[in-house]
Amino acid sequence: MAVVAYAAQDRCVIAPTYDLEHVRRGRRLLAILVERFGVAHFLDRANARANARACDDAVALACTWIERRTGRVVNASVIELLRRELRGILRRRIAEGAACVKG
């Protein structure tokens, strides 16, 4: 009986699917963009939070590049994962002592 109950629960769980090639390419490109433009480019000057427009532009650029390279459209779950990945990269770089102001 317990096995049947767990099987019913498993059918109710809908996990997002990720194209691993898209994720790999996206992570690599986002790291390159942060390295190239610097952490300060992705932060608001006033409150040191992530600048939504700059982050969205970086993710959109990554998605366009991925689509051109692979010939496949980047799905919404990968886009959301790349947004989270970019915020994570920024947090790590700030924790490592990256400059947070444009100089």
PDB file of N, CA and C in Angstrom:
ATOM      1  N   MET A   1       0.807  -1.191   0.000  1.00  0.00           N
ATOM      2  CA  MET A   1       0.000   0.000   0.000  1.00  0.00           C
ATOM      3  C   MET A   1       0.857   1.266   0.000  1.00  0.00           C
ATOM      4  N   ALA A   2       1.937   1.243   0.769  1.00  0.00           N
ATOM      5  CA  ALA A   2       2.773   2.435   0.874  1.00  0.00           C
ATOM      6  C   ALA A   2       3.410   2.780  -0.473  1.00  0.00           C
ATOM      7  N   VAL A   3       3.764   1.767  -1.233  1.00  0.00           N
ATOM      8  CA  VAL A   3       4.375   2.005  -2.541  1.00  0.00           C
ATOM      9  C   VAL A   3       3.391   2.705  -3.466  1.00  0.00           C
ATOM     10  N   VAL A   4       2.145   2.319  -3.428  1.00  0.00           N
ATOM     11  CA  VAL A   4       1.122   2.943  -4.265  1.00  0.00           C
ATOM     12  C   VAL A   4       0.939   4.403  -3.882  1.00  0.00           C
ATOM     13  N   ALA A   5       0.978   4.705  -2.577  1.00  0.00           N
ATOM     14  CA  ALA A   5       0.821   6.084  -2.110  1.00  0.00           C
ATOM     15  C   ALA A   5       1.971   6.949  -2.605  1.00  0.00           C
ATOM     16  N   TYR A   6       3.196   6.432  -2.533  1.00  0.00           N
ATOM     17  CA  TYR A   6       4.343   7.197  -3.016  1.00  0.00           C
ATOM     18  C   TYR A   6       4.286   7.395  -4.528  1.00  0.00           C
ATOM     19  N   ALA A   7       3.834   6.413  -5.245  1.00  0.00           N
ATOM     20  CA  ALA A   7       3.717   6.541  -6.704  1.00  0.00           C
ATOM     21  C   ALA A   7       2.704   7.623  -7.057  1.00  0.00           C
ATOM     22  N   ALA A   8       1.619   7.715  -6.323  1.00  0.00           N
ATOM     23  CA  ALA A   8       0.623   8.758  -6.569  1.00  0.00           C
ATOM     24  C   ALA A   8       1.207  10.130  -6.280  1.00  0.00           C
ATOM     25  N   GLN A   9       2.007  10.244  -5.224  1.00  0.00           N
ATOM     26  CA  GLN A   9       2.639  11.519  -4.906  1.00  0.00           C
ATOM     27  C   GLN A   9       3.628  11.921  -5.998  1.00  0.00           C
ATOM     28  N   ASP A  10       4.383  10.958  -6.509  1.00  0.00           N
ATOM     29  CA  ASP A  10       5.369  11.250  -7.538  1.00  0.00           C
ATOM     30  C   ASP A  10       4.725  11.773  -8.819  1.00  0.00           C
ATOM     31  N   ARG A  11       3.543  11.276  -9.143  1.00  0.00           N
ATOM     32  CA  ARG A  11       2.866  11.745 -10.348  1.00  0.00           C
ATOM     33  C   ARG A  11       2.401  13.186 -10.214  1.00  0.00           C
ATOM     34  N   CYS A  12       2.224  13.665  -8.988  1.00  0.00           N
ATOM     35  CA  CYS A  12       1.757  15.035  -8.757  1.00  0.00           C
ATOM     36  C   CYS A  12       2.893  16.047  -8.811  1.00  0.00           C
ATOM     37  N   VAL A  13       4.117  15.598  -8.701  1.00  0.00           N
ATOM     38  CA  VAL A  13       5.266  16.497  -8.709  1.00  0.00           C
ATOM     39  C   VAL A  13       5.665  16.771 -10.149  1.00  0.00           C
ATOM     40  N   ILE A  14       5.705  18.043 -10.500  1.00  0.00           N
ATOM     41  CA  ILE A  14       6.130  18.425 -11.835  1.00  0.00           C
ATOM     42  C   ILE A  14       7.426  19.213 -11.693  1.00  0.00           C
ATOM     43  N   ALA A  15       8.503  18.613 -12.087  1.00  0.00           N
ATOM     44  CA  ALA A  15       9.806  19.252 -11.990  1.00  0.00           C
ATOM     45  C   ALA A  15      10.144  19.906 -13.319  1.00  0.00           C
ATOM     46  N   PRO A  16      10.795  21.071 -13.264  1.00  0.00           N
ATOM     47  CA  PRO A  16      11.185  21.703 -14.528  1.00  0.00           C
ATOM     48  C   PRO A  16      12.244  20.881 -15.242  1.00  0.00           C
ATOM     49  N   THR A  17      12.237  20.968 -16.550  1.00  0.00           N
ATOM     50  CA  THR A  17      13.257  20.278 -17.330  1.00  0.00           C
ATOM     51  C   THR A  17      14.253  21.308 -17.845  1.00  0.00           C
ATOM     52  N   TYR A  18      15.502  20.951 -17.808  1.00  0.00           N
ATOM     53  CA  TYR A  18      16.567  21.842 -18.233  1.00  0.00           C
ATOM     54  C   TYR A  18      17.343  21.203 -19.370  1.00  0.00           C
ATOM     55  N   ASP A  19      17.622  21.976 -20.387  1.00  0.00           N
ATOM     56  CA  ASP A  19      18.536  21.540 -21.432  1.00  0.00           C
ATOM     57  C   ASP A  19      19.938  21.797 -20.880  1.00  0.00           C
ATOM     58  N   LEU A  20      20.653  20.739 -20.560  1.00  0.00           N
ATOM     59  CA  LEU A  20      21.935  20.892 -19.880  1.00  0.00           C
ATOM     60  C   LEU A  20      22.964  21.638 -20.714  1.00  0.00           C
ATOM     61  N   GLU A  21      22.887  21.503 -22.027  1.00  0.00           N
ATOM     62  CA  GLU A  21      23.806  22.263 -22.881  1.00  0.00           C
ATOM     63  C   GLU A  21      23.503  23.752 -22.765  1.00  0.00           C
ATOM     64  N   HIS A  22      22.240  24.118 -22.711  1.00  0.00           N
ATOM     65  CA  HIS A  22      21.865  25.521 -22.550  1.00  0.00           C
ATOM     66  C   HIS A  22      22.347  26.059 -21.206  1.00  0.00           C
ATOM     67  N   VAL A  23      22.187  25.273 -20.171  1.00  0.00           N
ATOM     68  CA  VAL A  23      22.621  25.702 -18.838  1.00  0.00           C
ATOM     69  C   VAL A  23      24.132  25.897 -18.814  1.00  0.00           C
ATOM     70  N   ARG A  24      24.862  24.956 -19.360  1.00  0.00           N
ATOM     71  CA  ARG A  24      26.329  25.047 -19.373  1.00  0.00           C
ATOM     72  C   ARG A  24      26.798  26.275 -20.133  1.00  0.00           C
ATOM     73  N   ARG A  25      26.245  26.482 -21.317  1.00  0.00           N
ATOM     74  CA  ARG A  25      26.630  27.641 -22.121  1.00  0.00           C
ATOM     75  C   ARG A  25      26.245  28.945 -21.437  1.00  0.00           C
ATOM     76  N   GLY A  26      25.058  28.976 -20.846  1.00  0.00           N
ATOM     77  CA  GLY A  26      24.587  30.184 -20.169  1.00  0.00           C
ATOM     78  C   GLY A  26      25.448  30.555 -18.975  1.00  0.00           C
ATOM     79  N   ARG A  27      25.786  29.567 -18.165  1.00  0.00           N
ATOM     80  CA  ARG A  27      26.641  29.838 -17.006  1.00  0.00           C
ATOM     81  C   ARG A  27      27.996  30.375 -17.443  1.00  0.00           C
ATOM     82  N   ARG A  28      28.544  29.774 -18.472  1.00  0.00           N
ATOM     83  CA  ARG A  28      29.854  30.216 -18.954  1.00  0.00           C
ATOM     84  C   ARG A  28      29.791  31.652 -19.468  1.00  0.00           C
ATOM     85  N   LEU A  29      28.756  31.976 -20.249  1.00  0.00           N
ATOM     86  CA  LEU A  29      28.652  33.323 -20.794  1.00  0.00           C
ATOM     87  C   LEU A  29      28.377  34.355 -19.708  1.00  0.00           C
ATOM     88  N   LEU A  30      27.539  34.035 -18.735  1.00  0.00           N
ATOM     89  CA  LEU A  30      27.281  34.987 -17.655  1.00  0.00           C
ATOM     90  C   LEU A  30      28.547  35.282 -16.866  1.00  0.00           C
ATOM     91  N   ALA A  31      29.354  34.269 -16.607  1.00  0.00           N
ATOM     92  CA  ALA A  31      30.621  34.496 -15.913  1.00  0.00           C
ATOM     93  C   ALA A  31      31.541  35.400 -16.729  1.00  0.00           C
ATOM     94  N   ILE A  32      31.547  35.202 -18.038  1.00  0.00           N
ATOM     95  CA  ILE A  32      32.364  36.050 -18.921  1.00  0.00           C
ATOM     96  C   ILE A  32      31.856  37.488 -18.879  1.00  0.00           C
ATOM     97  N   LEU A  33      30.538  37.684 -18.914  1.00  0.00           N
ATOM     98  CA  LEU A  33      29.976  39.041 -18.885  1.00  0.00           C
ATOM     99  C   LEU A  33      30.292  39.754 -17.580  1.00  0.00           C
ATOM    100  N   VAL A  34      30.196  39.045 -16.464  1.00  0.00           N
ATOM    101  CA  VAL A  34      30.519  39.662 -15.167  1.00  0.00           C
ATOM    102  C   VAL A  34      31.997  40.007 -15.121  1.00  0.00           C
ATOM    103  N   GLU A  35      32.830  39.138 -15.648  1.00  0.00           N
ATOM    104  CA  GLU A  35      34.270  39.410 -15.687  1.00  0.00           C
ATOM    105  C   GLU A  35      34.574  40.615 -16.579  1.00  0.00           C
ATOM    106  N   ARG A  36      33.922  40.681 -17.724  1.00  0.00           N
ATOM    107  CA  ARG A  36      34.182  41.750 -18.690  1.00  0.00           C
ATOM    108  C   ARG A  36      33.685  43.118 -18.219  1.00  0.00           C
ATOM    109  N   PHE A  37      32.436  43.156 -17.738  1.00  0.00           N
ATOM    110  CA  PHE A  37      31.841  44.437 -17.360  1.00  0.00           C
ATOM    111  C   PHE A  37      32.048  44.793 -15.894  1.00  0.00           C
ATOM    112  N   GLY A  38      32.367  43.842 -15.073  1.00  0.00           N
ATOM    113  CA  GLY A  38      32.563  44.087 -13.647  1.00  0.00           C
ATOM    114  C   GLY A  38      31.259  43.985 -12.875  1.00  0.00           C
ATOM    115  N   VAL A  39      31.381  43.723 -11.606  1.00  0.00           N
ATOM    116  CA  VAL A  39      30.217  43.559 -10.741  1.00  0.00           C
ATOM    117  C   VAL A  39      29.418  44.850 -10.669  1.00  0.00           C
ATOM    118  N   ALA A  40      30.083  45.980 -10.642  1.00  0.00           N
ATOM    119  CA  ALA A  40      29.408  47.270 -10.487  1.00  0.00           C
ATOM    120  C   ALA A  40      28.408  47.529 -11.610  1.00  0.00           C
ATOM    121  N   HIS A  41      28.659  47.002 -12.788  1.00  0.00           N
ATOM    122  CA  HIS A  41      27.745  47.193 -13.920  1.00  0.00           C
ATOM    123  C   HIS A  41      26.374  46.599 -13.631  1.00  0.00           C
ATOM    124  N   PHE A  42      26.319  45.555 -12.849  1.00  0.00           N
ATOM    125  CA  PHE A  42      25.074  44.839 -12.585  1.00  0.00           C
ATOM    126  C   PHE A  42      24.390  45.289 -11.297  1.00  0.00           C
ATOM    127  N   LEU A  43      24.916  46.324 -10.648  1.00  0.00           N
ATOM    128  CA  LEU A  43      24.334  46.814  -9.402  1.00  0.00           C
ATOM    129  C   LEU A  43      23.780  48.217  -9.570  1.00  0.00           C
ATOM    130  N   ASP A  44      22.704  48.519  -8.821  1.00  0.00           N
ATOM    131  CA  ASP A  44      22.203  49.895  -8.753  1.00  0.00           C
ATOM    132  C   ASP A  44      23.176  50.702  -7.906  1.00  0.00           C
ATOM    133  N   ARG A  45      23.398  51.919  -8.286  1.00  0.00           N
ATOM    134  CA  ARG A  45      24.339  52.757  -7.528  1.00  0.00           C
ATOM    135  C   ARG A  45      23.775  53.159  -6.174  1.00  0.00           C
ATOM    136  N   ALA A  46      22.486  53.414  -6.111  1.00  0.00           N
ATOM    137  CA  ALA A  46      21.888  53.956  -4.900  1.00  0.00           C
ATOM    138  C   ALA A  46      21.859  52.954  -3.742  1.00  0.00           C
ATOM    139  N   ASN A  47      21.400  51.738  -3.996  1.00  0.00           N
ATOM    140  CA  ASN A  47      21.193  50.819  -2.878  1.00  0.00           C
ATOM    141  C   ASN A  47      21.998  49.521  -2.986  1.00  0.00           C
ATOM    142  N   ALA A  48      22.897  49.436  -3.909  1.00  0.00           N
ATOM    143  CA  ALA A  48      23.785  48.270  -4.072  1.00  0.00           C
ATOM    144  C   ALA A  48      23.015  46.962  -4.255  1.00  0.00           C
ATOM    145  N   ARG A  49      21.841  47.027  -4.838  1.00  0.00           N
ATOM    146  CA  ARG A  49      21.096  45.823  -5.196  1.00  0.00           C
ATOM    147  C   ARG A  49      21.316  45.545  -6.672  1.00  0.00           C
ATOM    148  N   ALA A  50      20.965  44.348  -7.073  1.00  0.00           N
ATOM    149  CA  ALA A  50      21.121  43.988  -8.479  1.00  0.00           C
ATOM    150  C   ALA A  50      20.225  44.869  -9.340  1.00  0.00           C
ATOM    151  N   ASN A  51      20.786  45.409 -10.402  1.00  0.00           N
ATOM    152  CA  ASN A  51      20.037  46.220 -11.355  1.00  0.00           C
ATOM    153  C   ASN A  51      19.264  45.262 -12.258  1.00  0.00           C
ATOM    154  N   ALA A  52      17.946  45.285 -12.117  1.00  0.00           N
ATOM    155  CA  ALA A  52      17.104  44.321 -12.834  1.00  0.00           C
ATOM    156  C   ALA A  52      17.287  44.423 -14.343  1.00  0.00           C
ATOM    157  N   ARG A  53      17.393  45.637 -14.852  1.00  0.00           N
ATOM    158  CA  ARG A  53      17.515  45.795 -16.299  1.00  0.00           C
ATOM    159  C   ARG A  53      18.846  45.238 -16.820  1.00  0.00           C
ATOM    160  N   ALA A  54      19.926  45.538 -16.118  1.00  0.00           N
ATOM    161  CA  ALA A  54      21.232  45.030 -16.545  1.00  0.00           C
ATOM    162  C   ALA A  54      21.278  43.508 -16.467  1.00  0.00           C
ATOM    163  N   CYS A  55      20.686  42.943 -15.425  1.00  0.00           N
ATOM    164  CA  CYS A  55      20.669  41.488 -15.273  1.00  0.00           C
ATOM    165  C   CYS A  55      19.800  40.849 -16.354  1.00  0.00           C
ATOM    166  N   ASP A  56      18.635  41.428 -16.616  1.00  0.00           N
ATOM    167  CA  ASP A  56      17.760  40.893 -17.663  1.00  0.00           C
ATOM    168  C   ASP A  56      18.417  40.987 -19.037  1.00  0.00           C
ATOM    169  N   ASP A  57      19.127  42.093 -19.279  1.00  0.00           N
ATOM    170  CA  ASP A  57      19.833  42.241 -20.555  1.00  0.00           C
ATOM    171  C   ASP A  57      20.918  41.177 -20.710  1.00  0.00           C
ATOM    172  N   ALA A  58      21.638  40.886 -19.623  1.00  0.00           N
ATOM    173  CA  ALA A  58      22.686  39.862 -19.683  1.00  0.00           C
ATOM    174  C   ALA A  58      22.093  38.486 -19.951  1.00  0.00           C
ATOM    175  N   VAL A  59      20.982  38.183 -19.292  1.00  0.00           N
ATOM    176  CA  VAL A  59      20.333  36.888 -19.502  1.00  0.00           C
ATOM    177  C   VAL A  59      19.779  36.810 -20.927  1.00  0.00           C
ATOM    178  N   ALA A  60      19.197  37.900 -21.423  1.00  0.00           N
ATOM    179  CA  ALA A  60      18.667  37.906 -22.795  1.00  0.00           C
ATOM    180  C   ALA A  60      19.796  37.713 -23.806  1.00  0.00           C
ATOM    181  N   LEU A  61      20.933  38.366 -23.576  1.00  0.00           N
ATOM    182  CA  LEU A  61      22.090  38.185 -24.456  1.00  0.00           C
ATOM    183  C   LEU A  61      22.556  36.731 -24.435  1.00  0.00           C
ATOM    184  N   ALA A  62      22.621  36.153 -23.250  1.00  0.00           N
ATOM    185  CA  ALA A  62      23.031  34.761 -23.131  1.00  0.00           C
ATOM    186  C   ALA A  62      22.062  33.845 -23.880  1.00  0.00           C
ATOM    187  N   CYS A  63      20.767  34.099 -23.743  1.00  0.00           N
ATOM    188  CA  CYS A  63      19.763  33.264 -24.420  1.00  0.00           C
ATOM    189  C   CYS A  63      19.879  33.388 -25.937  1.00  0.00           C
ATOM    190  N   THR A  64      20.071  34.597 -26.432  1.00  0.00           N
ATOM    191  CA  THR A  64      20.225  34.803 -27.872  1.00  0.00           C
ATOM    192  C   THR A  64      21.456  34.066 -28.392  1.00  0.00           C
ATOM    193  N   TRP A  65      22.546  34.178 -27.662  1.00  0.00           N
ATOM    194  CA  TRP A  65      23.790  33.510 -28.067  1.00  0.00           C
ATOM    195  C   TRP A  65      23.607  31.996 -28.060  1.00  0.00           C
ATOM    196  N   ILE A  66      22.961  31.485 -27.013  1.00  0.00           N
ATOM    197  CA  ILE A  66      22.731  30.040 -26.910  1.00  0.00           C
ATOM    198  C   ILE A  66      21.872  29.554 -28.072  1.00  0.00           C
ATOM    199  N   GLU A  67      20.806  30.290 -28.374  1.00  0.00           N
ATOM    200  CA  GLU A  67      19.905  29.890 -29.457  1.00  0.00           C
ATOM    201  C   GLU A  67      20.619  29.877 -30.798  1.00  0.00           C
ATOM    202  N   ARG A  68      21.493  30.836 -31.016  1.00  0.00           N
ATOM    203  CA  ARG A  68      22.245  30.861 -32.280  1.00  0.00           C
ATOM    204  C   ARG A  68      23.222  29.699 -32.363  1.00  0.00           C
ATOM    205  N   ARG A  69      23.842  29.357 -31.247  1.00  0.00           N
ATOM    206  CA  ARG A  69      24.819  28.273 -31.240  1.00  0.00           C
ATOM    207  C   ARG A  69      24.187  26.898 -31.354  1.00  0.00           C
ATOM    208  N   THR A  70      23.063  26.691 -30.666  1.00  0.00           N
ATOM    209  CA  THR A  70      22.468  25.358 -30.607  1.00  0.00           C
ATOM    210  C   THR A  70      21.343  25.160 -31.615  1.00  0.00           C
ATOM    211  N   GLY A  71      20.735  26.249 -32.053  1.00  0.00           N
ATOM    212  CA  GLY A  71      19.599  26.133 -32.963  1.00  0.00           C
ATOM    213  C   GLY A  71      18.303  25.759 -32.266  1.00  0.00           C
ATOM    214  N   ARG A  72      18.307  25.790 -30.931  1.00  0.00           N
ATOM    215  CA  ARG A  72      17.115  25.462 -30.161  1.00  0.00           C
ATOM    216  C   ARG A  72      16.739  26.632 -29.267  1.00  0.00           C
ATOM    217  N   VAL A  73      15.448  26.817 -29.065  1.00  0.00           N
ATOM    218  CA  VAL A  73      14.948  27.914 -28.232  1.00  0.00           C
ATOM    219  C   VAL A  73      15.203  27.590 -26.760  1.00  0.00           C
ATOM    220  N   VAL A  74      15.619  28.597 -26.005  1.00  0.00           N
ATOM    221  CA  VAL A  74      15.841  28.447 -24.570  1.00  0.00           C
ATOM    222  C   VAL A  74      14.486  28.508 -23.879  1.00  0.00           C
ATOM    223  N   ASN A  75      14.170  27.503 -23.055  1.00  0.00           N
ATOM    224  CA  ASN A  75      12.859  27.481 -22.409  1.00  0.00           C
ATOM    225  C   ASN A  75      12.852  28.319 -21.129  1.00  0.00           C
ATOM    226  N   ALA A  76      11.669  28.553 -20.600  1.00  0.00           N
ATOM    227  CA  ALA A  76      11.486  29.448 -19.452  1.00  0.00           C
ATOM    228  C   ALA A  76      12.203  28.961 -18.204  1.00  0.00           C
ATOM    229  N   SER A  77      12.273  27.657 -18.004  1.00  0.00           N
ATOM    230  CA  SER A  77      12.946  27.151 -16.804  1.00  0.00           C
ATOM    231  C   SER A  77      14.448  27.438 -16.858  1.00  0.00           C
ATOM    232  N   VAL A  78      15.045  27.374 -18.030  1.00  0.00           N
ATOM    233  CA  VAL A  78      16.471  27.697 -18.167  1.00  0.00           C
ATOM    234  C   VAL A  78      16.690  29.189 -17.974  1.00  0.00           C
ATOM    235  N   ILE A  79      15.791  30.009 -18.476  1.00  0.00           N
ATOM    236  CA  ILE A  79      15.908  31.465 -18.297  1.00  0.00           C
ATOM    237  C   ILE A  79      15.868  31.810 -16.817  1.00  0.00           C
ATOM    238  N   GLU A  80      14.940  31.227 -16.079  1.00  0.00           N
ATOM    239  CA  GLU A  80      14.856  31.483 -14.640  1.00  0.00           C
ATOM    240  C   GLU A  80      16.092  30.982 -13.920  1.00  0.00           C
ATOM    241  N   LEU A  81      16.605  29.824 -14.313  1.00  0.00           N
ATOM    242  CA  LEU A  81      17.819  29.300 -13.714  1.00  0.00           C
ATOM    243  C   LEU A  81      18.996  30.241 -13.979  1.00  0.00           C
ATOM    244  N   LEU A  82      19.085  30.798 -15.182  1.00  0.00           N
ATOM    245  CA  LEU A  82      20.179  31.723 -15.502  1.00  0.00           C
ATOM    246  C   LEU A  82      20.062  33.016 -14.701  1.00  0.00           C
ATOM    247  N   ARG A  83      18.846  33.480 -14.454  1.00  0.00           N
ATOM    248  CA  ARG A  83      18.674  34.660 -13.590  1.00  0.00           C
ATOM    249  C   ARG A  83      19.208  34.382 -12.188  1.00  0.00           C
ATOM    250  N   ARG A  84      18.848  33.231 -11.645  1.00  0.00           N
ATOM    251  CA  ARG A  84      19.340  32.864 -10.312  1.00  0.00           C
ATOM    252  C   ARG A  84      20.852  32.689 -10.332  1.00  0.00           C
ATOM    253  N   GLU A  85      21.366  32.103 -11.390  1.00  0.00           N
ATOM    254  CA  GLU A  85      22.810  31.895 -11.512  1.00  0.00           C
ATOM    255  C   GLU A  85      23.559  33.234 -11.535  1.00  0.00           C
ATOM    256  N   LEU A  86      23.034  34.209 -12.271  1.00  0.00           N
ATOM    257  CA  LEU A  86      23.683  35.521 -12.330  1.00  0.00           C
ATOM    258  C   LEU A  86      23.704  36.173 -10.952  1.00  0.00           C
ATOM    259  N   ARG A  87      22.591  36.106 -10.231  1.00  0.00           N
ATOM    260  CA  ARG A  87      22.571  36.671  -8.867  1.00  0.00           C
ATOM    261  C   ARG A  87      23.581  35.947  -7.981  1.00  0.00           C
ATOM    262  N   GLY A  88      23.702  34.636  -8.153  1.00  0.00           N
ATOM    263  CA  GLY A  88      24.683  33.878  -7.379  1.00  0.00           C
ATOM    264  C   GLY A  88      26.117  34.279  -7.705  1.00  0.00           C
ATOM    265  N   ILE A  89      26.398  34.469  -8.983  1.00  0.00           N
ATOM    266  CA  ILE A  89      27.736  34.914  -9.401  1.00  0.00           C
ATOM    267  C   ILE A  89      28.048  36.265  -8.770  1.00  0.00           C
ATOM    268  N   LEU A  90      27.078  37.172  -8.815  1.00  0.00           N
ATOM    269  CA  LEU A  90      27.291  38.502  -8.235  1.00  0.00           C
ATOM    270  C   LEU A  90      27.534  38.414  -6.733  1.00  0.00           C
ATOM    271  N   ARG A  91      26.749  37.594  -6.029  1.00  0.00           N
ATOM    272  CA  ARG A  91      26.946  37.433  -4.583  1.00  0.00           C
ATOM    273  C   ARG A  91      28.330  36.888  -4.274  1.00  0.00           C
ATOM    274  N   ARG A  92      28.751  35.875  -5.026  1.00  0.00           N
ATOM    275  CA  ARG A  92      30.075  35.295  -4.782  1.00  0.00           C
ATOM    276  C   ARG A  92      31.182  36.313  -5.034  1.00  0.00           C
ATOM    277  N   ARG A  93      31.054  37.052  -6.121  1.00  0.00           N
ATOM    278  CA  ARG A  93      32.092  38.041  -6.450  1.00  0.00           C
ATOM    279  C   ARG A  93      32.153  39.152  -5.399  1.00  0.00           C
ATOM    280  N   ILE A  94      30.984  39.579  -4.902  1.00  0.00           N
ATOM    281  CA  ILE A  94      30.967  40.598  -3.849  1.00  0.00           C
ATOM    282  C   ILE A  94      31.591  40.044  -2.579  1.00  0.00           C
ATOM    283  N   ALA A  95      31.269  38.808  -2.227  1.00  0.00           N
ATOM    284  CA  ALA A  95      31.840  38.179  -1.037  1.00  0.00           C
ATOM    285  C   ALA A  95      33.353  38.027  -1.173  1.00  0.00           C
ATOM    286  N   GLU A  96      33.839  37.865  -2.379  1.00  0.00           N
ATOM    287  CA  GLU A  96      35.282  37.753  -2.614  1.00  0.00           C
ATOM    288  C   GLU A  96      35.974  39.110  -2.586  1.00  0.00           C
ATOM    289  N   GLY A  97      35.177  40.186  -2.524  1.00  0.00           N
ATOM    290  CA  GLY A  97      35.751  41.528  -2.422  1.00  0.00           C
ATOM    291  C   GLY A  97      35.809  42.286  -3.728  1.00  0.00           C
ATOM    292  N   ALA A  98      34.967  41.935  -4.694  1.00  0.00           N
ATOM    293  CA  ALA A  98      34.948  42.654  -5.970  1.00  0.00           C
ATOM    294  C   ALA A  98      34.466  44.083  -5.753  1.00  0.00           C
ATOM    295  N   ALA A  99      34.976  44.989  -6.561  1.00  0.00           N
ATOM    296  CA  ALA A  99      34.581  46.391  -6.467  1.00  0.00           C
ATOM    297  C   ALA A  99      33.111  46.546  -6.833  1.00  0.00           C
ATOM    298  N   CYS A 100      32.365  47.247  -6.004  1.00  0.00           N
ATOM    299  CA  CYS A 100      30.930  47.419  -6.219  1.00  0.00           C
ATOM    300  C   CYS A 100      30.562  48.806  -6.721  1.00  0.00           C
ATOM    301  N   VAL A 101      31.564  49.612  -7.001  1.00  0.00           N
ATOM    302  CA  VAL A 101      31.304  50.951  -7.552  1.00  0.00           C
ATOM    303  C   VAL A 101      32.094  51.090  -8.842  1.00  0.00           C
ATOM    304  N   LYS A 102      31.525  51.860  -9.746  1.00  0.00           N
ATOM    305  CA  LYS A 102      32.228  52.100 -11.010  1.00  0.00           C
ATOM    306  C   LYS A 102      33.321  53.104 -10.753  1.00  0.00           C
ATOM    307  N   GLY A 103      34.487  52.791 -11.245  1.00  0.00           N
ATOM    308  CA  GLY A 103      35.617  53.651 -10.956  1.00  0.00           C
ATOM    309  C   GLY A 103      36.215  54.202 -12.118  1.00  0.00           C
TER     310      GLY A 103
END
